Each structure stands twice: as C-alpha cells, then as structure tokens.
Amino acid sequence: MSRSDSIVILPPLLLGVLLAVTNWRLVRENKQLSATAQYYASLRHTPMGVKLPDLHGKGLDGQDLTISYQDVNQETLLLVFSPTCAHCKRNWPAWLDLARGAAGKRVVFVNVGGPLPPQFSQSYTFDSEPVVAETSPESILQYSLFEFPMTILVSADGHSEKVWVGEIASRDVASIKKQLAWSVPKKQAGD
C-alpha cells in the first residue's frame, strides 16, 4: 500500500470514528432526556403505589367534603374529570358502567376543572355516588391531578393500586372490572 492510498483511506476512517462518537453521545443524551421527560410526565398524574392523603373539596351541595381512606375497609375508585373536557365526556358511559358494577367498592367522581356549570348534574348522571364537585387546590397538588380523564383504583389502606390516564378503551374497562373483581377487601378474604 502506498502512502497516497493511506491518505485516501484516512479521511473516511476519521469521519467514521467521529460519527460513531457523535452517535454514542446522542444516544446518552437521548436517554437522559427520556428519563427527564418521564419524570415530568409522572408529575401530571397520580403515581401508582403511593399512600394517598385524604381528598378534600366541596360536594354538589357546596358543603365541605372529605374522602378518607382510614377505617373504610373497602377499595375506592376515583373518576377524575373536568366539566369542559371532551375526553371526559366520552369516558362518562364507561365510568357509569364501572360505577354500577363496582359492588362493595366506593366510587367517587372528582372534578378538577373548576366549578361545575349550572345543570351539569342533569346532563351527566352520577347515580348515587359521592361527587367532589370542587376539589381543593391542595388535594389537586397532593394527588397530581393535572391530567384528565383519570381513573384511579385506591386500595382499602389508601395506596394507589392502578392509574389509568386518558380515555378508557373497552379493553381498559375489562381490565378495571377484572381488577375490581380480584381485589377483595382484607376482612372478606378470611371469611
């Protein structure tokens, strides 16, 4: 191999090394950005597996309402919505189906979108389920209720067992129903 041959090979070789190093740096940077994006996304909704504090707000009657998990001995299904959210509106039939089929579980509708408009409860049935018509700002922060619709299954001891964010597909409804059927309150498990 002559000297002119090695001069011709050297630039593409150097370019290849530079591209490999650059790609390696971009992959590392992309992983860091992905981890950061996942962290910030987790701040927008209730994470799974955390102990939840009492949920505070006002009921449909305007009176203070607290949803507590102490001494309840049953799971709670929180259905988080905003009255102006089109996705929440599309979720409503699935939520009502879940609420009606959640025997032995407490179901709570939670509004995080400001005051309910007049006549809202005539347009959207809540059946006889409790409604947090106006969630306190502290509870919104503590629960990270910044994305909706959100469906949260809370264990009898107040831990978020499972969180579904966004519109619920039919497979999600089946999954939630299965989760509700499998999870039996501790008192009943020993009977």
N, C-alpha and C. Protein backbone atom coordinates (compact mmCIF):
# COMPACT_ATOMS: atom_id res chain seq x y z
N MET A 1 0.85 -1.15 0.00
CA MET A 1 0.00 0.00 0.00
C MET A 1 0.90 1.23 0.00
N SER A 2 0.62 2.09 -0.88
CA SER A 2 1.43 3.30 -0.99
C SER A 2 0.91 4.37 -0.04
N ARG A 3 1.72 5.35 0.12
CA ARG A 3 1.37 6.46 1.01
C ARG A 3 0.11 7.18 0.50
N SER A 4 -0.07 7.33 -0.78
CA SER A 4 -1.26 8.01 -1.32
C SER A 4 -2.52 7.19 -1.04
N ASP A 5 -2.40 5.85 -1.01
CA ASP A 5 -3.55 5.00 -0.68
C ASP A 5 -3.98 5.22 0.78
N SER A 6 -3.02 5.32 1.70
CA SER A 6 -3.36 5.51 3.11
C SER A 6 -3.94 6.91 3.35
N ILE A 7 -3.53 7.88 2.57
CA ILE A 7 -4.09 9.23 2.69
C ILE A 7 -5.56 9.22 2.25
N VAL A 8 -5.89 8.43 1.25
CA VAL A 8 -7.26 8.34 0.75
C VAL A 8 -8.14 7.62 1.77
N ILE A 9 -7.66 6.63 2.47
CA ILE A 9 -8.42 5.84 3.45
C ILE A 9 -8.60 6.60 4.76
N LEU A 10 -7.64 7.40 5.14
CA LEU A 10 -7.65 8.09 6.43
C LEU A 10 -8.86 9.02 6.62
N PRO A 11 -9.22 9.89 5.69
CA PRO A 11 -10.38 10.78 5.93
C PRO A 11 -11.70 10.01 6.17
N PRO A 12 -12.06 9.01 5.36
CA PRO A 12 -13.30 8.28 5.65
C PRO A 12 -13.24 7.55 7.01
N LEU A 13 -12.07 7.05 7.36
CA LEU A 13 -11.90 6.38 8.65
C LEU A 13 -12.12 7.36 9.80
N LEU A 14 -11.50 8.53 9.70
CA LEU A 14 -11.69 9.56 10.73
C LEU A 14 -13.15 10.01 10.79
N LEU A 15 -13.78 10.16 9.65
CA LEU A 15 -15.19 10.55 9.61
C LEU A 15 -16.06 9.48 10.28
N GLY A 16 -15.75 8.22 10.03
CA GLY A 16 -16.48 7.12 10.66
C GLY A 16 -16.33 7.14 12.18
N VAL A 17 -15.13 7.38 12.67
CA VAL A 17 -14.88 7.45 14.11
C VAL A 17 -15.64 8.63 14.71
N LEU A 18 -15.57 9.78 14.05
CA LEU A 18 -16.28 10.96 14.53
C LEU A 18 -17.79 10.72 14.58
N LEU A 19 -18.34 10.09 13.55
CA LEU A 19 -19.77 9.77 13.54
C LEU A 19 -20.13 8.80 14.67
N ALA A 20 -19.31 7.81 14.91
CA ALA A 20 -19.58 6.84 15.98
C ALA A 20 -19.58 7.52 17.34
N VAL A 21 -18.59 8.39 17.57
CA VAL A 21 -18.51 9.11 18.85
C VAL A 21 -19.72 10.03 19.01
N THR A 22 -20.07 10.73 17.94
CA THR A 22 -21.22 11.64 17.99
C THR A 22 -22.50 10.86 18.25
N ASN A 23 -22.69 9.74 17.59
CA ASN A 23 -23.88 8.91 17.81
C ASN A 23 -23.93 8.40 19.24
N TRP A 24 -22.81 7.98 19.76
CA TRP A 24 -22.75 7.49 21.15
C TRP A 24 -23.18 8.61 22.12
N ARG A 25 -22.68 9.82 21.88
CA ARG A 25 -23.06 10.96 22.74
C ARG A 25 -24.54 11.27 22.61
N LEU A 26 -25.09 11.22 21.39
CA LEU A 26 -26.51 11.49 21.18
C LEU A 26 -27.39 10.43 21.85
N VAL A 27 -26.98 9.19 21.80
CA VAL A 27 -27.74 8.12 22.47
C VAL A 27 -27.77 8.36 23.97
N ARG A 28 -26.62 8.70 24.57
CA ARG A 28 -26.57 9.00 26.01
C ARG A 28 -27.45 10.20 26.35
N GLU A 29 -27.37 11.23 25.54
CA GLU A 29 -28.16 12.44 25.77
C GLU A 29 -29.65 12.14 25.62
N ASN A 30 -30.01 11.31 24.65
CA ASN A 30 -31.40 10.94 24.43
C ASN A 30 -31.95 10.15 25.62
N LYS A 31 -31.15 9.26 26.19
CA LYS A 31 -31.58 8.50 27.37
C LYS A 31 -31.82 9.44 28.54
N GLN A 32 -30.94 10.43 28.72
CA GLN A 32 -31.12 11.39 29.81
C GLN A 32 -32.37 12.23 29.59
N LEU A 33 -32.61 12.67 28.36
CA LEU A 33 -33.80 13.45 28.06
C LEU A 33 -35.07 12.61 28.25
N SER A 34 -35.01 11.35 27.87
CA SER A 34 -36.16 10.46 28.04
C SER A 34 -36.48 10.27 29.52
N ALA A 35 -35.47 10.09 30.34
CA ALA A 35 -35.68 9.94 31.78
C ALA A 35 -36.27 11.22 32.37
N THR A 36 -35.78 12.37 31.92
CA THR A 36 -36.31 13.64 32.39
C THR A 36 -37.77 13.81 31.96
N ALA A 37 -38.08 13.47 30.72
CA ALA A 37 -39.45 13.57 30.22
C ALA A 37 -40.38 12.66 31.00
N GLN A 38 -39.94 11.44 31.31
CA GLN A 38 -40.76 10.51 32.10
C GLN A 38 -40.99 11.07 33.50
N TYR A 39 -39.98 11.68 34.08
CA TYR A 39 -40.14 12.26 35.41
C TYR A 39 -41.19 13.36 35.39
N TYR A 40 -41.09 14.28 34.43
CA TYR A 40 -42.06 15.37 34.37
C TYR A 40 -43.46 14.87 34.02
N ALA A 41 -43.56 13.84 33.18
CA ALA A 41 -44.86 13.25 32.88
C ALA A 41 -45.48 12.64 34.14
N SER A 42 -44.65 12.06 35.00
CA SER A 42 -45.17 11.44 36.23
C SER A 42 -45.72 12.49 37.19
N LEU A 43 -45.33 13.74 37.05
CA LEU A 43 -45.83 14.80 37.93
C LEU A 43 -47.24 15.24 37.54
N ARG A 44 -47.71 14.84 36.36
CA ARG A 44 -49.02 15.29 35.88
C ARG A 44 -50.17 14.42 36.35
N HIS A 45 -49.85 13.23 36.86
CA HIS A 45 -50.93 12.36 37.35
C HIS A 45 -50.47 11.57 38.55
N THR A 46 -51.43 11.04 39.27
CA THR A 46 -51.17 10.28 40.48
C THR A 46 -50.30 9.08 40.16
N PRO A 47 -49.16 8.93 40.83
CA PRO A 47 -48.32 7.76 40.58
C PRO A 47 -48.91 6.52 41.26
N MET A 48 -48.54 5.35 40.76
CA MET A 48 -49.01 4.10 41.36
C MET A 48 -48.16 3.76 42.57
N GLY A 49 -48.81 3.14 43.56
CA GLY A 49 -48.09 2.61 44.71
C GLY A 49 -47.83 3.59 45.84
N VAL A 50 -48.37 4.80 45.77
CA VAL A 50 -48.12 5.77 46.83
C VAL A 50 -49.31 5.82 47.78
N LYS A 51 -49.02 6.12 49.03
CA LYS A 51 -50.07 6.31 50.04
C LYS A 51 -50.70 7.68 49.80
N LEU A 52 -52.01 7.70 49.62
CA LEU A 52 -52.70 8.94 49.31
C LEU A 52 -53.27 9.57 50.57
N PRO A 53 -53.18 10.90 50.67
CA PRO A 53 -53.79 11.59 51.81
C PRO A 53 -55.30 11.71 51.59
N ASP A 54 -56.01 12.22 52.58
CA ASP A 54 -57.43 12.48 52.42
C ASP A 54 -57.62 13.45 51.26
N LEU A 55 -58.72 13.27 50.54
CA LEU A 55 -59.07 14.13 49.40
C LEU A 55 -60.10 15.14 49.89
N HIS A 56 -59.82 16.42 49.68
CA HIS A 56 -60.71 17.47 50.19
C HIS A 56 -61.32 18.27 49.04
N GLY A 57 -62.52 18.74 49.29
CA GLY A 57 -63.19 19.58 48.33
C GLY A 57 -64.57 19.94 48.81
N LYS A 58 -65.46 20.23 47.88
CA LYS A 58 -66.85 20.55 48.19
C LYS A 58 -67.75 19.59 47.43
N GLY A 59 -68.84 19.18 48.05
CA GLY A 59 -69.81 18.30 47.41
C GLY A 59 -70.73 19.09 46.50
N LEU A 60 -71.68 18.39 45.88
CA LEU A 60 -72.64 19.04 44.99
C LEU A 60 -73.48 20.08 45.72
N ASP A 61 -73.66 19.88 47.03
CA ASP A 61 -74.45 20.82 47.83
C ASP A 61 -73.64 22.03 48.30
N GLY A 62 -72.35 22.09 47.96
CA GLY A 62 -71.49 23.20 48.35
C GLY A 62 -70.86 23.04 49.72
N GLN A 63 -71.18 21.96 50.41
CA GLN A 63 -70.62 21.70 51.73
C GLN A 63 -69.24 21.04 51.60
N ASP A 64 -68.39 21.27 52.62
CA ASP A 64 -67.07 20.63 52.62
C ASP A 64 -67.23 19.12 52.59
N LEU A 65 -66.38 18.46 51.84
CA LEU A 65 -66.42 17.01 51.67
C LEU A 65 -65.01 16.48 51.76
N THR A 66 -64.82 15.43 52.55
CA THR A 66 -63.51 14.78 52.69
C THR A 66 -63.67 13.30 52.36
N ILE A 67 -62.83 12.81 51.47
CA ILE A 67 -62.78 11.39 51.16
C ILE A 67 -61.56 10.85 51.89
N SER A 68 -61.80 10.03 52.90
CA SER A 68 -60.73 9.47 53.71
C SER A 68 -60.63 7.97 53.45
N TYR A 69 -59.45 7.44 53.63
CA TYR A 69 -59.23 6.01 53.44
C TYR A 69 -59.04 5.29 54.76
N GLN A 70 -59.07 6.03 55.86
CA GLN A 70 -58.90 5.42 57.17
C GLN A 70 -60.21 4.77 57.60
N ASP A 71 -60.12 3.55 58.11
CA ASP A 71 -61.27 2.81 58.63
C ASP A 71 -62.39 2.61 57.60
N VAL A 72 -62.07 2.62 56.32
CA VAL A 72 -63.10 2.42 55.30
C VAL A 72 -63.23 0.93 54.97
N ASN A 73 -62.11 0.22 54.95
CA ASN A 73 -62.06 -1.22 54.66
C ASN A 73 -62.70 -1.59 53.33
N GLN A 74 -62.62 -0.72 52.36
CA GLN A 74 -63.03 -1.05 51.00
C GLN A 74 -62.20 -0.23 50.03
N GLU A 75 -62.09 -0.75 48.84
CA GLU A 75 -61.35 -0.02 47.82
C GLU A 75 -62.18 1.15 47.31
N THR A 76 -61.48 2.12 46.75
CA THR A 76 -62.13 3.31 46.21
C THR A 76 -61.72 3.47 44.76
N LEU A 77 -62.69 3.75 43.93
CA LEU A 77 -62.43 4.03 42.52
C LEU A 77 -62.68 5.52 42.33
N LEU A 78 -61.60 6.28 42.04
CA LEU A 78 -61.70 7.71 41.81
C LEU A 78 -61.80 7.96 40.31
N LEU A 79 -62.82 8.69 39.89
CA LEU A 79 -63.04 9.01 38.49
C LEU A 79 -62.84 10.52 38.34
N VAL A 80 -61.67 10.91 37.84
CA VAL A 80 -61.24 12.30 37.83
C VAL A 80 -61.59 12.93 36.47
N PHE A 81 -62.33 14.05 36.52
CA PHE A 81 -62.81 14.68 35.29
C PHE A 81 -62.76 16.19 35.40
N SER A 82 -62.97 16.83 34.25
CA SER A 82 -63.19 18.27 34.17
C SER A 82 -64.47 18.45 33.36
N PRO A 83 -65.35 19.36 33.76
CA PRO A 83 -66.62 19.52 33.04
C PRO A 83 -66.46 20.02 31.61
N THR A 84 -65.32 20.58 31.27
CA THR A 84 -65.11 21.10 29.91
C THR A 84 -64.29 20.16 29.03
N CYS A 85 -63.95 18.99 29.55
CA CYS A 85 -63.07 18.05 28.85
C CYS A 85 -63.88 17.10 27.95
N ALA A 86 -63.62 17.16 26.65
CA ALA A 86 -64.33 16.29 25.71
C ALA A 86 -63.98 14.82 25.93
N HIS A 87 -62.74 14.53 26.32
CA HIS A 87 -62.34 13.14 26.59
C HIS A 87 -63.11 12.60 27.79
N CYS A 88 -63.31 13.45 28.80
CA CYS A 88 -64.07 13.04 29.99
C CYS A 88 -65.51 12.73 29.60
N LYS A 89 -66.07 13.54 28.73
CA LYS A 89 -67.45 13.33 28.26
C LYS A 89 -67.57 11.98 27.57
N ARG A 90 -66.58 11.64 26.76
CA ARG A 90 -66.60 10.34 26.07
C ARG A 90 -66.37 9.19 27.05
N ASN A 91 -65.69 9.45 28.17
CA ASN A 91 -65.45 8.42 29.19
C ASN A 91 -66.69 8.14 30.03
N TRP A 92 -67.62 9.08 30.08
CA TRP A 92 -68.72 9.01 31.04
C TRP A 92 -69.50 7.70 30.98
N PRO A 93 -69.90 7.20 29.81
CA PRO A 93 -70.64 5.92 29.79
C PRO A 93 -69.82 4.76 30.38
N ALA A 94 -68.53 4.71 30.09
CA ALA A 94 -67.68 3.65 30.65
C ALA A 94 -67.57 3.80 32.16
N TRP A 95 -67.43 5.04 32.63
CA TRP A 95 -67.35 5.27 34.08
C TRP A 95 -68.64 4.85 34.78
N LEU A 96 -69.79 5.18 34.17
CA LEU A 96 -71.05 4.77 34.78
C LEU A 96 -71.17 3.26 34.82
N ASP A 97 -70.71 2.60 33.77
CA ASP A 97 -70.70 1.13 33.75
C ASP A 97 -69.83 0.59 34.87
N LEU A 98 -68.65 1.17 35.06
CA LEU A 98 -67.76 0.74 36.15
C LEU A 98 -68.39 1.02 37.51
N ALA A 99 -69.00 2.18 37.67
CA ALA A 99 -69.60 2.55 38.95
C ALA A 99 -70.73 1.59 39.31
N ARG A 100 -71.53 1.23 38.33
CA ARG A 100 -72.66 0.33 38.59
C ARG A 100 -72.19 -1.09 38.88
N GLY A 101 -71.04 -1.47 38.35
CA GLY A 101 -70.54 -2.82 38.56
C GLY A 101 -69.53 -2.95 39.68
N ALA A 102 -69.32 -1.90 40.44
CA ALA A 102 -68.31 -1.91 41.50
C ALA A 102 -68.92 -2.21 42.86
N ALA A 103 -69.64 -3.30 42.94
CA ALA A 103 -70.29 -3.67 44.21
C ALA A 103 -69.24 -3.87 45.29
N GLY A 104 -69.50 -3.30 46.45
CA GLY A 104 -68.57 -3.43 47.56
C GLY A 104 -67.39 -2.47 47.50
N LYS A 105 -67.36 -1.65 46.48
CA LYS A 105 -66.29 -0.65 46.33
C LYS A 105 -66.92 0.74 46.43
N ARG A 106 -66.15 1.68 46.89
CA ARG A 106 -66.62 3.07 46.92
C ARG A 106 -66.19 3.73 45.62
N VAL A 107 -67.12 4.42 44.97
CA VAL A 107 -66.84 5.12 43.72
C VAL A 107 -67.04 6.61 43.98
N VAL A 108 -66.06 7.42 43.59
CA VAL A 108 -66.13 8.87 43.82
C VAL A 108 -65.79 9.58 42.52
N PHE A 109 -66.68 10.46 42.09
CA PHE A 109 -66.40 11.33 40.95
C PHE A 109 -65.67 12.56 41.49
N VAL A 110 -64.56 12.93 40.83
CA VAL A 110 -63.72 14.03 41.32
C VAL A 110 -63.54 15.07 40.20
N ASN A 111 -64.12 16.25 40.40
CA ASN A 111 -63.99 17.33 39.44
C ASN A 111 -62.75 18.16 39.76
N VAL A 112 -61.83 18.27 38.80
CA VAL A 112 -60.64 19.09 38.99
C VAL A 112 -60.62 20.29 38.03
N GLY A 113 -61.75 20.54 37.36
CA GLY A 113 -61.78 21.59 36.34
C GLY A 113 -62.50 22.85 36.75
N GLY A 114 -62.52 23.18 38.03
CA GLY A 114 -63.20 24.39 38.47
C GLY A 114 -64.65 24.12 38.79
N PRO A 115 -65.41 25.16 39.08
CA PRO A 115 -66.81 24.97 39.47
C PRO A 115 -67.61 24.27 38.37
N LEU A 116 -68.54 23.42 38.79
CA LEU A 116 -69.41 22.76 37.81
C LEU A 116 -70.39 23.77 37.23
N PRO A 117 -70.59 23.74 35.93
CA PRO A 117 -71.56 24.65 35.32
C PRO A 117 -72.98 24.32 35.81
N PRO A 118 -73.87 25.29 35.77
CA PRO A 118 -75.27 25.01 36.15
C PRO A 118 -75.82 23.88 35.27
N GLN A 119 -76.66 23.08 35.83
CA GLN A 119 -77.32 21.97 35.12
C GLN A 119 -76.37 20.84 34.74
N PHE A 120 -75.13 20.86 35.23
CA PHE A 120 -74.17 19.81 34.86
C PHE A 120 -74.66 18.44 35.33
N SER A 121 -75.14 18.35 36.57
CA SER A 121 -75.55 17.05 37.11
C SER A 121 -76.82 16.53 36.44
N GLN A 122 -77.58 17.39 35.74
CA GLN A 122 -78.73 16.89 34.98
C GLN A 122 -78.26 16.27 33.66
N SER A 123 -77.18 16.80 33.10
CA SER A 123 -76.66 16.28 31.83
C SER A 123 -75.80 15.03 32.05
N TYR A 124 -75.11 14.99 33.18
CA TYR A 124 -74.21 13.87 33.47
C TYR A 124 -74.67 13.24 34.78
N THR A 125 -75.16 12.03 34.71
CA THR A 125 -75.61 11.37 35.94
C THR A 125 -74.42 10.92 36.76
N PHE A 126 -74.59 11.00 38.06
CA PHE A 126 -73.61 10.47 38.98
C PHE A 126 -74.20 9.27 39.71
N ASP A 127 -75.44 8.91 39.38
CA ASP A 127 -76.21 7.93 40.14
C ASP A 127 -76.21 8.39 41.59
N SER A 128 -75.85 7.52 42.51
CA SER A 128 -75.86 7.94 43.92
C SER A 128 -74.44 8.00 44.47
N GLU A 129 -73.47 8.10 43.59
CA GLU A 129 -72.07 8.11 44.01
C GLU A 129 -71.70 9.47 44.58
N PRO A 130 -70.75 9.49 45.54
CA PRO A 130 -70.26 10.78 46.04
C PRO A 130 -69.56 11.56 44.92
N VAL A 131 -69.69 12.87 44.97
CA VAL A 131 -69.08 13.73 43.97
C VAL A 131 -68.30 14.83 44.68
N VAL A 132 -67.02 14.93 44.38
CA VAL A 132 -66.24 16.07 44.82
C VAL A 132 -66.41 17.09 43.70
N ALA A 133 -67.37 17.99 43.88
CA ALA A 133 -67.74 18.92 42.82
C ALA A 133 -66.68 19.99 42.60
N GLU A 134 -65.92 20.28 43.63
CA GLU A 134 -64.87 21.29 43.52
C GLU A 134 -63.71 20.82 44.40
N THR A 135 -62.67 20.28 43.78
CA THR A 135 -61.53 19.74 44.52
C THR A 135 -60.65 20.88 45.02
N SER A 136 -60.18 20.74 46.26
CA SER A 136 -59.33 21.79 46.82
C SER A 136 -58.00 21.84 46.06
N PRO A 137 -57.43 23.04 45.93
CA PRO A 137 -56.12 23.16 45.26
C PRO A 137 -55.04 22.30 45.93
N GLU A 138 -55.09 22.17 47.25
CA GLU A 138 -54.10 21.35 47.96
C GLU A 138 -54.20 19.89 47.53
N SER A 139 -55.45 19.37 47.42
CA SER A 139 -55.63 17.98 47.00
C SER A 139 -55.19 17.78 45.56
N ILE A 140 -55.46 18.76 44.71
CA ILE A 140 -55.02 18.66 43.31
C ILE A 140 -53.51 18.52 43.25
N LEU A 141 -52.80 19.30 44.06
CA LEU A 141 -51.34 19.20 44.11
C LEU A 141 -50.88 17.89 44.73
N GLN A 142 -51.48 17.49 45.85
CA GLN A 142 -51.05 16.27 46.54
C GLN A 142 -51.28 15.02 45.69
N TYR A 143 -52.34 15.01 44.92
CA TYR A 143 -52.66 13.86 44.07
C TYR A 143 -52.07 13.98 42.67
N SER A 144 -51.51 15.12 42.32
CA SER A 144 -51.01 15.40 40.96
C SER A 144 -52.12 15.19 39.93
N LEU A 145 -53.22 15.88 40.13
CA LEU A 145 -54.38 15.74 39.25
C LEU A 145 -54.34 16.80 38.14
N PHE A 146 -53.35 16.70 37.28
CA PHE A 146 -53.16 17.68 36.22
C PHE A 146 -53.51 17.12 34.85
N GLU A 147 -53.80 15.83 34.77
CA GLU A 147 -54.24 15.22 33.52
C GLU A 147 -55.59 14.58 33.78
N PHE A 148 -56.45 14.66 32.82
CA PHE A 148 -57.75 14.02 32.93
C PHE A 148 -58.24 13.72 31.54
N PRO A 149 -59.10 12.75 31.44
CA PRO A 149 -59.69 11.93 32.49
C PRO A 149 -58.66 10.99 33.10
N MET A 150 -58.92 10.66 34.35
CA MET A 150 -58.04 9.74 35.08
C MET A 150 -58.92 8.82 35.92
N THR A 151 -58.59 7.56 35.92
CA THR A 151 -59.29 6.57 36.71
C THR A 151 -58.27 5.97 37.67
N ILE A 152 -58.55 6.07 38.97
CA ILE A 152 -57.58 5.63 39.97
C ILE A 152 -58.24 4.61 40.89
N LEU A 153 -57.62 3.45 41.01
CA LEU A 153 -58.07 2.43 41.95
C LEU A 153 -57.21 2.56 43.20
N VAL A 154 -57.87 2.84 44.34
CA VAL A 154 -57.19 3.04 45.61
C VAL A 154 -57.50 1.86 46.51
N SER A 155 -56.46 1.26 47.09
CA SER A 155 -56.65 0.11 47.98
C SER A 155 -57.37 0.53 49.25
N ALA A 156 -57.82 -0.45 50.01
CA ALA A 156 -58.53 -0.18 51.26
C ALA A 156 -57.66 0.59 52.25
N ASP A 157 -56.34 0.45 52.15
CA ASP A 157 -55.47 1.17 53.07
C ASP A 157 -54.97 2.50 52.50
N GLY A 158 -55.50 2.91 51.33
CA GLY A 158 -55.20 4.24 50.80
C GLY A 158 -54.04 4.34 49.85
N HIS A 159 -53.57 3.22 49.31
CA HIS A 159 -52.49 3.26 48.30
C HIS A 159 -53.09 3.24 46.90
N SER A 160 -52.49 4.01 46.00
CA SER A 160 -52.95 3.98 44.61
C SER A 160 -52.45 2.67 43.99
N GLU A 161 -53.39 1.78 43.70
CA GLU A 161 -53.04 0.46 43.14
C GLU A 161 -52.79 0.53 41.64
N LYS A 162 -53.65 1.24 40.95
CA LYS A 162 -53.57 1.29 39.50
C LYS A 162 -54.11 2.63 39.04
N VAL A 163 -53.50 3.21 38.01
CA VAL A 163 -53.91 4.50 37.48
C VAL A 163 -54.04 4.38 35.95
N TRP A 164 -55.20 4.76 35.45
CA TRP A 164 -55.43 4.80 34.01
C TRP A 164 -55.63 6.26 33.64
N VAL A 165 -54.84 6.77 32.68
CA VAL A 165 -54.92 8.16 32.27
C VAL A 165 -55.44 8.20 30.84
N GLY A 166 -56.38 9.09 30.59
CA GLY A 166 -56.93 9.27 29.25
C GLY A 166 -58.24 8.52 29.09
N GLU A 167 -58.71 8.53 27.85
CA GLU A 167 -59.96 7.83 27.55
C GLU A 167 -59.79 6.34 27.79
N ILE A 168 -60.84 5.73 28.28
CA ILE A 168 -60.79 4.31 28.61
C ILE A 168 -61.31 3.52 27.42
N ALA A 169 -60.47 2.67 26.88
CA ALA A 169 -60.88 1.77 25.79
C ALA A 169 -61.62 0.58 26.39
N SER A 170 -62.31 -0.17 25.56
CA SER A 170 -63.08 -1.31 26.06
C SER A 170 -62.18 -2.33 26.76
N ARG A 171 -60.94 -2.50 26.28
CA ARG A 171 -60.03 -3.43 26.95
C ARG A 171 -59.65 -2.91 28.34
N ASP A 172 -59.58 -1.58 28.49
CA ASP A 172 -59.30 -0.99 29.80
C ASP A 172 -60.46 -1.21 30.76
N VAL A 173 -61.69 -1.08 30.25
CA VAL A 173 -62.87 -1.32 31.09
C VAL A 173 -62.85 -2.75 31.58
N ALA A 174 -62.56 -3.69 30.69
CA ALA A 174 -62.48 -5.10 31.08
C ALA A 174 -61.37 -5.31 32.11
N SER A 175 -60.23 -4.65 31.92
CA SER A 175 -59.12 -4.76 32.87
C SER A 175 -59.49 -4.19 34.23
N ILE A 176 -60.17 -3.05 34.24
CA ILE A 176 -60.58 -2.44 35.50
C ILE A 176 -61.60 -3.32 36.21
N LYS A 177 -62.56 -3.85 35.46
CA LYS A 177 -63.56 -4.74 36.07
C LYS A 177 -62.88 -5.97 36.66
N LYS A 178 -61.91 -6.52 35.94
CA LYS A 178 -61.18 -7.68 36.45
C LYS A 178 -60.42 -7.31 37.72
N GLN A 179 -59.77 -6.14 37.71
CA GLN A 179 -59.02 -5.67 38.88
C GLN A 179 -59.96 -5.49 40.06
N LEU A 180 -61.14 -4.94 39.83
CA LEU A 180 -62.12 -4.75 40.90
C LEU A 180 -62.62 -6.08 41.44
N ALA A 181 -62.78 -7.06 40.56
CA ALA A 181 -63.27 -8.37 41.00
C ALA A 181 -62.21 -9.14 41.76
N TRP A 182 -60.95 -9.01 41.35
CA TRP A 182 -59.87 -9.76 42.01
C TRP A 182 -59.53 -9.21 43.38
N SER A 183 -59.62 -7.91 43.50
CA SER A 183 -59.20 -7.30 44.75
C SER A 183 -60.35 -7.36 45.75
N VAL A 184 -60.18 -8.15 46.78
CA VAL A 184 -61.19 -8.33 47.81
C VAL A 184 -60.68 -7.65 49.07
N PRO A 185 -61.52 -6.85 49.73
CA PRO A 185 -61.08 -6.23 50.97
C PRO A 185 -60.57 -7.28 51.95
N LYS A 186 -59.57 -6.92 52.74
CA LYS A 186 -58.89 -7.85 53.63
C LYS A 186 -59.85 -8.56 54.59
N LYS A 187 -60.86 -7.90 55.12
CA LYS A 187 -61.79 -8.51 56.06
C LYS A 187 -62.54 -9.66 55.42
N GLN A 188 -62.92 -9.51 54.13
CA GLN A 188 -63.69 -10.54 53.45
C GLN A 188 -62.82 -11.72 53.01
N ALA A 189 -61.53 -11.48 52.81
CA ALA A 189 -60.65 -12.52 52.31
C ALA A 189 -60.58 -13.70 53.28
N GLY A 190 -60.66 -13.46 54.58
CA GLY A 190 -60.56 -14.53 55.57
C GLY A 190 -61.88 -15.20 55.87
N ASP A 191 -62.99 -14.68 55.35
CA ASP A 191 -64.31 -15.27 55.63
C ASP A 191 -64.48 -16.61 54.97
